[in-house]
Protein backbone atom coordinates (compact mmCIF):
# COMPACT_ATOMS: atom_id res chain seq x y z
CA MET A 1 -2.19 -70.67 28.52
CA ASN A 2 -0.14 -67.59 29.36
CA PRO A 3 -0.68 -66.71 33.08
CA PHE A 4 -1.12 -63.00 32.35
CA LEU A 5 -3.68 -63.71 29.63
CA ALA A 6 -5.44 -66.20 31.90
CA THR A 7 -5.73 -63.57 34.67
CA ILE A 8 -7.19 -61.00 32.25
CA LEU A 9 -9.60 -63.59 30.88
CA ILE A 10 -10.81 -64.60 34.35
CA ASN A 11 -11.37 -61.01 35.48
CA THR A 12 -13.10 -60.03 32.23
CA THR A 13 -15.52 -62.94 32.13
CA GLN A 14 -16.35 -62.48 35.81
CA LYS A 15 -17.38 -58.88 35.13
CA LEU A 16 -19.30 -59.70 31.94
CA LYS A 17 -21.17 -62.72 33.25
CA GLY A 18 -21.32 -62.02 36.98
CA LYS A 19 -19.79 -65.43 37.68
CA LYS A 20 -16.88 -66.33 39.89
CA PHE A 21 -14.38 -69.08 39.53
CA PRO A 22 -13.71 -71.35 42.49
CA LYS A 23 -10.91 -70.31 44.85
CA GLU A 24 -8.66 -73.04 43.48
CA LYS A 25 -6.92 -72.51 40.17
CA PRO A 26 -9.37 -72.96 37.23
CA SER A 27 -8.77 -75.90 34.93
CA GLU A 28 -7.49 -75.59 31.38
CA TYR A 29 -10.93 -76.66 30.17
CA GLU A 30 -12.63 -73.87 32.12
CA LEU A 31 -10.12 -71.32 30.83
CA ALA A 32 -10.56 -72.53 27.26
CA LYS A 33 -14.35 -72.31 27.61
CA ARG A 34 -14.17 -68.77 29.00
CA TYR A 35 -11.72 -67.80 26.27
CA LYS A 36 -14.06 -69.09 23.57
CA GLU A 37 -17.01 -67.19 25.03
CA PHE A 38 -14.93 -64.03 25.35
CA ILE A 39 -13.78 -64.19 21.71
CA ILE A 40 -17.33 -64.80 20.43
CA SER A 41 -18.67 -61.85 22.46
CA LEU A 42 -15.79 -59.63 21.32
CA LYS A 43 -16.36 -60.46 17.64
CA ARG A 44 -20.09 -59.89 17.96
CA ASN A 45 -19.60 -56.52 19.69
CA ILE A 46 -17.11 -55.39 17.04
CA LYS A 47 -19.53 -56.43 14.30
CA ASN A 48 -22.39 -54.57 16.00
CA LEU A 49 -20.24 -51.45 16.40
CA ILE A 50 -19.31 -51.49 12.71
CA LEU A 51 -22.96 -51.90 11.68
CA ILE A 52 -24.06 -49.00 13.90
CA VAL A 53 -21.25 -46.69 12.69
CA VAL A 54 -21.95 -47.47 9.02
CA GLY A 55 -25.65 -46.96 9.69
CA ILE A 56 -24.97 -43.56 11.25
CA PHE A 57 -22.93 -42.38 8.25
CA SER A 58 -25.52 -43.73 5.79
CA ALA A 59 -28.39 -41.95 7.55
CA SER A 60 -26.34 -38.74 7.81
CA PHE A 61 -25.61 -38.87 4.08
CA GLY A 62 -29.32 -39.30 3.40
CA PHE A 63 -30.05 -36.27 5.60
CA LYS A 64 -27.43 -33.81 4.33
CA GLY A 65 -26.82 -35.13 0.82
CA PHE A 66 -30.48 -35.25 -0.18
CA LEU A 67 -33.33 -34.47 2.21
CA LEU A 68 -32.28 -31.50 4.34
CA THR A 69 -31.31 -29.11 1.55
CA ASN A 70 -34.54 -29.85 -0.32
CA ASP A 71 -36.92 -29.67 2.69
CA PHE A 72 -38.07 -33.27 2.19
CA ILE A 73 -39.00 -35.37 5.18
CA ASP A 74 -39.38 -39.02 6.11
CA GLY A 75 -41.70 -40.87 8.47
CA GLY A 76 -41.12 -41.53 12.14
CA ALA A 77 -38.87 -39.61 14.49
CA THR A 78 -36.49 -38.68 11.67
CA GLY A 79 -39.43 -37.21 9.77
CA ILE A 80 -40.47 -35.13 12.78
CA SER A 81 -36.88 -33.87 13.10
CA LEU A 82 -36.70 -32.93 9.41
CA LEU A 83 -40.13 -31.25 9.55
CA LEU A 84 -39.13 -29.11 12.54
CA ALA A 85 -35.81 -28.24 10.89
CA ALA A 86 -37.70 -27.07 7.78
CA ILE A 87 -40.08 -24.75 9.64
CA THR A 88 -37.73 -23.52 12.40
CA SER A 89 -34.13 -22.32 12.68
CA ILE A 90 -33.17 -25.08 15.12
CA PRO A 91 -30.24 -27.19 13.81
CA LEU A 92 -31.14 -30.71 12.76
CA TYR A 93 -28.58 -32.37 15.04
CA LEU A 94 -30.25 -30.83 18.11
CA LEU A 95 -33.68 -31.88 16.91
CA ILE A 96 -32.52 -35.48 16.38
CA ILE A 97 -31.52 -35.70 20.04
CA GLY A 98 -34.54 -33.80 21.37
CA VAL A 99 -37.16 -35.72 19.39
CA ASN A 100 -35.66 -39.12 20.20
CA LEU A 101 -35.07 -38.45 23.91
CA PRO A 102 -38.58 -39.53 25.04
CA PHE A 103 -38.24 -42.70 22.96
CA ILE A 104 -34.93 -43.52 24.68
CA VAL A 105 -36.64 -43.28 28.07
CA MET A 106 -39.49 -45.43 26.76
CA GLY A 107 -36.98 -47.93 25.40
CA TYR A 108 -35.36 -48.19 28.82
CA ARG A 109 -38.68 -49.20 30.35
CA ILE A 110 -39.71 -51.58 27.58
CA MET A 111 -36.46 -53.13 26.38
CA GLY A 112 -34.00 -52.72 29.21
CA LYS A 113 -31.01 -50.64 30.26
CA ARG A 114 -28.41 -51.96 27.83
CA PHE A 115 -30.61 -51.41 24.78
CA ALA A 116 -31.42 -47.87 25.92
CA ILE A 117 -27.72 -47.04 26.40
CA LYS A 118 -26.78 -48.38 22.96
CA THR A 119 -29.64 -46.46 21.37
CA ALA A 120 -28.71 -43.22 23.17
CA LEU A 121 -25.08 -43.52 22.03
CA ALA A 122 -26.19 -44.29 18.45
CA ILE A 123 -28.51 -41.25 18.35
CA ILE A 124 -25.81 -39.00 19.81
CA GLY A 125 -23.39 -40.38 17.22
CA LEU A 126 -25.90 -39.60 14.45
CA ALA A 127 -26.34 -36.04 15.75
CA LEU A 128 -22.56 -35.48 15.90
CA CYS A 129 -22.12 -36.89 12.39
CA VAL A 130 -24.82 -34.58 11.02
CA ALA A 131 -23.27 -31.60 12.82
CA LEU A 132 -19.58 -32.19 12.07
CA VAL A 133 -19.17 -34.30 8.92
CA PRO A 134 -19.56 -32.39 5.61
CA PHE A 135 -21.61 -34.11 2.91
CA PRO A 136 -22.13 -32.71 -0.61
CA ASN A 137 -25.58 -31.86 -1.88
CA VAL A 138 -25.83 -34.62 -4.50
CA THR A 139 -28.79 -33.44 -6.56
CA ASN A 140 -31.75 -31.07 -6.60
CA ASP A 141 -33.96 -33.30 -8.72
CA ASP A 142 -37.04 -33.89 -6.57
CA LEU A 143 -37.63 -37.49 -7.60
CA LEU A 144 -33.97 -38.50 -7.13
CA VAL A 145 -33.90 -36.76 -3.76
CA ALA A 146 -37.03 -38.59 -2.62
CA ILE A 147 -35.84 -42.02 -3.75
CA PHE A 148 -32.16 -41.96 -2.84
CA GLY A 149 -32.61 -39.88 0.30
CA GLY A 150 -35.06 -42.52 1.52
CA PHE A 151 -32.72 -45.31 0.43
CA PHE A 152 -29.71 -44.08 2.41
CA LEU A 153 -31.82 -43.12 5.42
CA GLY A 154 -33.59 -46.51 5.48
CA ALA A 155 -30.29 -48.33 5.05
CA GLY A 156 -28.82 -46.41 7.98
CA ILE A 157 -31.76 -47.19 10.27
CA GLY A 158 -31.71 -50.85 9.23
CA LEU A 159 -27.98 -51.30 9.75
CA ALA A 160 -28.20 -49.71 13.21
CA ILE A 161 -31.00 -52.11 14.14
CA ARG A 162 -28.93 -55.04 12.87
CA GLY A 163 -26.26 -53.81 15.28
CA GLY A 164 -28.72 -53.85 18.20
CA ALA A 165 -29.52 -50.13 18.44
CA VAL A 166 -32.15 -47.73 17.12
CA ILE A 167 -31.59 -44.29 15.55
CA ASP A 168 -35.30 -43.71 14.95
CA GLY A 169 -37.46 -44.13 18.04
CA THR A 170 -40.77 -44.69 16.24
CA GLU A 171 -40.49 -48.46 16.55
CA ILE A 172 -40.16 -48.15 20.33
CA LEU A 173 -43.29 -46.00 20.50
CA ALA A 174 -45.12 -48.44 18.23
CA ILE A 175 -44.22 -51.39 20.47
CA PHE A 176 -45.44 -49.46 23.53
CA LEU A 177 -48.75 -48.40 21.94
CA SER A 178 -49.40 -51.85 20.48
CA LYS A 179 -49.19 -53.33 23.97
CA ARG A 180 -51.34 -50.59 25.50
CA PHE A 181 -54.13 -50.69 22.89
CA SER A 182 -53.86 -54.34 21.73
CA THR A 183 -53.18 -53.49 18.10
CA THR A 184 -50.43 -54.45 15.68
CA ILE A 185 -47.15 -52.55 15.53
CA GLY A 186 -47.51 -52.01 11.78
CA ASP A 187 -50.88 -50.29 12.22
CA VAL A 188 -49.43 -47.93 14.84
CA ILE A 189 -46.52 -46.95 12.57
CA ILE A 190 -48.92 -46.22 9.70
CA LEU A 191 -51.09 -44.01 11.95
CA ILE A 192 -48.06 -42.07 13.21
CA ASN A 193 -46.86 -41.41 9.66
CA ILE A 194 -50.30 -40.31 8.47
CA ILE A 195 -50.20 -37.63 11.16
CA ILE A 196 -46.66 -36.56 10.22
CA PHE A 197 -47.39 -36.26 6.48
CA SER A 198 -50.63 -34.39 7.19
CA PHE A 199 -48.65 -31.76 9.10
CA ALA A 200 -46.10 -31.65 6.27
CA ALA A 201 -48.86 -30.97 3.72
CA TYR A 202 -50.25 -28.16 5.91
CA LEU A 203 -46.96 -26.54 6.99
CA LEU A 204 -44.87 -27.03 3.83
CA SER A 205 -46.87 -27.95 0.74
CA ILE A 206 -48.88 -30.83 -0.66
CA GLU A 207 -46.19 -31.41 -3.31
CA ILE A 208 -43.44 -31.79 -0.69
CA ALA A 209 -45.68 -34.06 1.37
CA LEU A 210 -46.28 -36.30 -1.65
CA TYR A 211 -42.58 -36.49 -2.47
CA SER A 212 -41.90 -37.19 1.20
CA MET A 213 -44.24 -40.17 1.01
CA ILE A 214 -42.02 -41.53 -1.77
CA THR A 215 -39.07 -40.96 0.56
CA TYR A 216 -40.83 -42.91 3.29
CA ILE A 217 -41.69 -45.79 0.95
CA ALA A 218 -38.08 -45.98 -0.26
CA ALA A 219 -36.77 -45.86 3.32
CA SER A 220 -39.20 -48.47 4.64
CA LYS A 221 -38.57 -50.87 1.76
CA THR A 222 -34.82 -50.54 2.22
CA LEU A 223 -35.17 -51.09 5.95
CA ASP A 224 -37.35 -54.17 5.35
CA PHE A 225 -34.78 -55.52 2.93
CA ILE A 226 -32.00 -55.19 5.53
CA ILE A 227 -33.77 -56.48 8.64
CA GLU A 228 -36.90 -58.12 7.15
CA GLY A 229 -39.33 -56.18 9.33
CA ILE A 230 -38.63 -54.76 12.79
CA GLU A 231 -42.23 -55.33 13.87
CA GLU A 232 -42.16 -59.08 13.39
CA TYR A 233 -41.52 -61.75 15.96
CA ILE A 234 -39.37 -64.74 15.13
CA GLY A 235 -40.25 -68.36 15.82
CA VAL A 236 -37.00 -70.31 16.26
CA THR A 237 -36.74 -74.09 16.15
CA ILE A 238 -33.43 -75.44 17.47
CA ILE A 239 -32.15 -78.98 16.98
CA ALA A 240 -28.94 -79.50 18.92
CA THR A 241 -26.99 -82.14 20.79
CA HIS A 242 -26.71 -79.94 23.89
CA SER A 243 -30.40 -79.06 24.07
CA ARG A 244 -30.58 -78.78 27.85
CA PRO A 245 -28.03 -75.94 28.31
CA ILE A 246 -29.61 -74.12 25.34
CA LYS A 247 -33.04 -74.45 26.95
CA GLU A 248 -31.70 -73.15 30.28
CA MET A 249 -29.96 -70.24 28.53
CA ILE A 250 -33.18 -69.16 26.78
CA ILE A 251 -35.18 -69.34 30.01
CA ASN A 252 -32.66 -67.92 32.49
CA LYS A 253 -30.53 -65.53 30.43
CA MET A 254 -33.00 -64.28 27.80
CA GLY A 255 -36.13 -64.56 29.92
CA ARG A 256 -38.16 -66.30 27.21
CA GLY A 257 -40.31 -69.41 27.31
CA VAL A 258 -39.56 -72.59 25.41
CA THR A 259 -41.51 -75.60 24.21
CA ILE A 260 -39.81 -78.99 23.93
CA TYR A 261 -40.80 -81.44 21.21
CA LYS A 262 -39.70 -85.04 21.35
CA GLY A 263 -38.21 -86.17 18.07
CA GLN A 264 -35.84 -88.60 16.42
CA GLY A 265 -32.89 -88.02 14.16
CA GLY A 266 -33.44 -88.98 10.52
CA TYR A 267 -29.93 -90.37 10.17
CA VAL A 268 -30.07 -93.95 11.47
CA LEU A 269 -26.87 -95.54 12.76
CA ASP A 270 -26.81 -99.33 13.31
CA GLY A 271 -30.57 -99.44 12.81
CA VAL A 272 -31.25 -97.19 15.84
CA ALA A 273 -32.66 -93.67 15.52
CA LYS A 274 -31.35 -91.30 18.18
CA ASP A 275 -33.96 -89.47 20.29
CA LYS A 276 -33.70 -85.67 20.31
CA ASP A 277 -35.24 -82.79 22.22
CA ILE A 278 -36.37 -80.11 19.73
CA ILE A 279 -36.58 -76.62 21.22
CA TYR A 280 -39.07 -74.01 20.01
CA THR A 281 -39.10 -70.41 21.24
CA VAL A 282 -40.45 -67.04 20.10
CA ILE A 283 -38.29 -63.93 20.32
CA THR A 284 -38.22 -60.44 18.79
CA ARG A 285 -36.01 -59.25 15.95
CA LEU A 286 -33.95 -57.25 18.41
CA GLU A 287 -33.16 -60.39 20.42
CA LEU A 288 -32.11 -62.53 17.45
CA ASN A 289 -28.55 -61.22 17.57
CA LYS A 290 -28.13 -62.22 21.21
CA LEU A 291 -29.74 -65.65 20.71
CA ASN A 292 -27.34 -66.48 17.87
CA THR A 293 -24.37 -65.42 19.99
CA GLU A 294 -25.37 -67.45 23.04
CA ILE A 295 -26.16 -70.58 21.01
CA GLU A 296 -22.82 -70.27 19.24
CA LYS A 297 -21.12 -70.31 22.63
CA ILE A 298 -22.87 -73.57 23.57
CA GLU A 299 -22.99 -75.40 20.23
CA PRO A 300 -21.71 -73.59 17.12
CA HIS A 301 -23.17 -76.13 14.68
CA ALA A 302 -26.69 -76.30 16.12
CA PHE A 303 -29.39 -76.50 13.44
CA MET A 304 -31.80 -73.54 13.63
CA ILE A 305 -34.96 -72.80 11.66
CA MET A 306 -36.33 -69.23 11.84
CA ASN A 307 -39.81 -68.15 10.73
CA SER A 308 -41.29 -64.67 10.74
CA ILE A 309 -44.40 -64.16 12.88
CA LYS A 310 -46.62 -61.13 12.32
CA ASP A 311 -47.72 -60.75 15.93
CA ILE A 312 -48.41 -62.81 19.04
CA LYS A 313 -50.88 -62.91 21.89
CA GLY A 314 -50.45 -64.32 25.37
CA GLY A 315 -47.38 -65.99 26.80
CA ILE A 316 -44.54 -64.17 28.53
CA ILE A 317 -42.78 -62.47 25.63
CA LYS A 318 -44.73 -59.21 25.95
CA LYS A 319 -44.60 -59.21 29.74
CA ARG A 320 -40.84 -59.17 30.18
CA PRO A 321 -38.35 -56.51 28.99
CA LEU A 322 -35.99 -57.38 26.17
CA LYS A 323 -32.58 -58.49 27.44
CA HIS A 324 -29.45 -57.51 25.57
């Protein structure tokens, strides 16, 4: 390997992982391993950045191309921002930052520093896009505005979440309240939106509130289609040759618990079935991106089965902050 490239690789991986190479010159195997991990992380970060940027532009188009000029709103923090923009003279881009600021602080406490930074940058990017990028007013037909405004807004929120960030802080608040009051996240989101649409009916009109409910349904269904439900936990079963380093990674790096099942491979060679350790863990949707990346570093062809879980009780998953 080129000495200059090797030096950059060593310094970069030391900063990213907090690890140090021995004083003697690292082996070619160690350099190749670090290089592989660096490339996987780089590709994943580029992919996440693209998803967040596309999500920002999609949500901005939903705002300015449909909802804002027709005084329609959505649910969640975006709905609060649109409602305040409709009844006050405060620009929407300032309201997006102001309304989401408490949720960013809450996200820092619940989900960790890195997630909060990514979310803050995504929300600032959304505000700048709304303020600086011109979008045409597509239509004034109320039904089309409600449906397609919700579609583009929901797609933007979903794509940002797929990239590991949030541009609507309602989910963070819902996670916090669900832990505090021992209820489901979905129930909390419904309650928040009932309050928002009630204010919309009082401050704007019942007709706008009803159309805004259509906007919310379109946005939530689009978001569900993209990320399959932010409020769900994921049960992951992993069958891999290198089960021990994967188990240690989940426990030490992601801070999640694992259960080991003893199993045998179905493919029998020479009449002997090979014993296998089968790993089972439960993570959140927001951690799935990181789990896939870390497993790919250890064993790219590991067999993984993922099942949606409505909610959980007990264990350590709700007691530790999300790690990104």
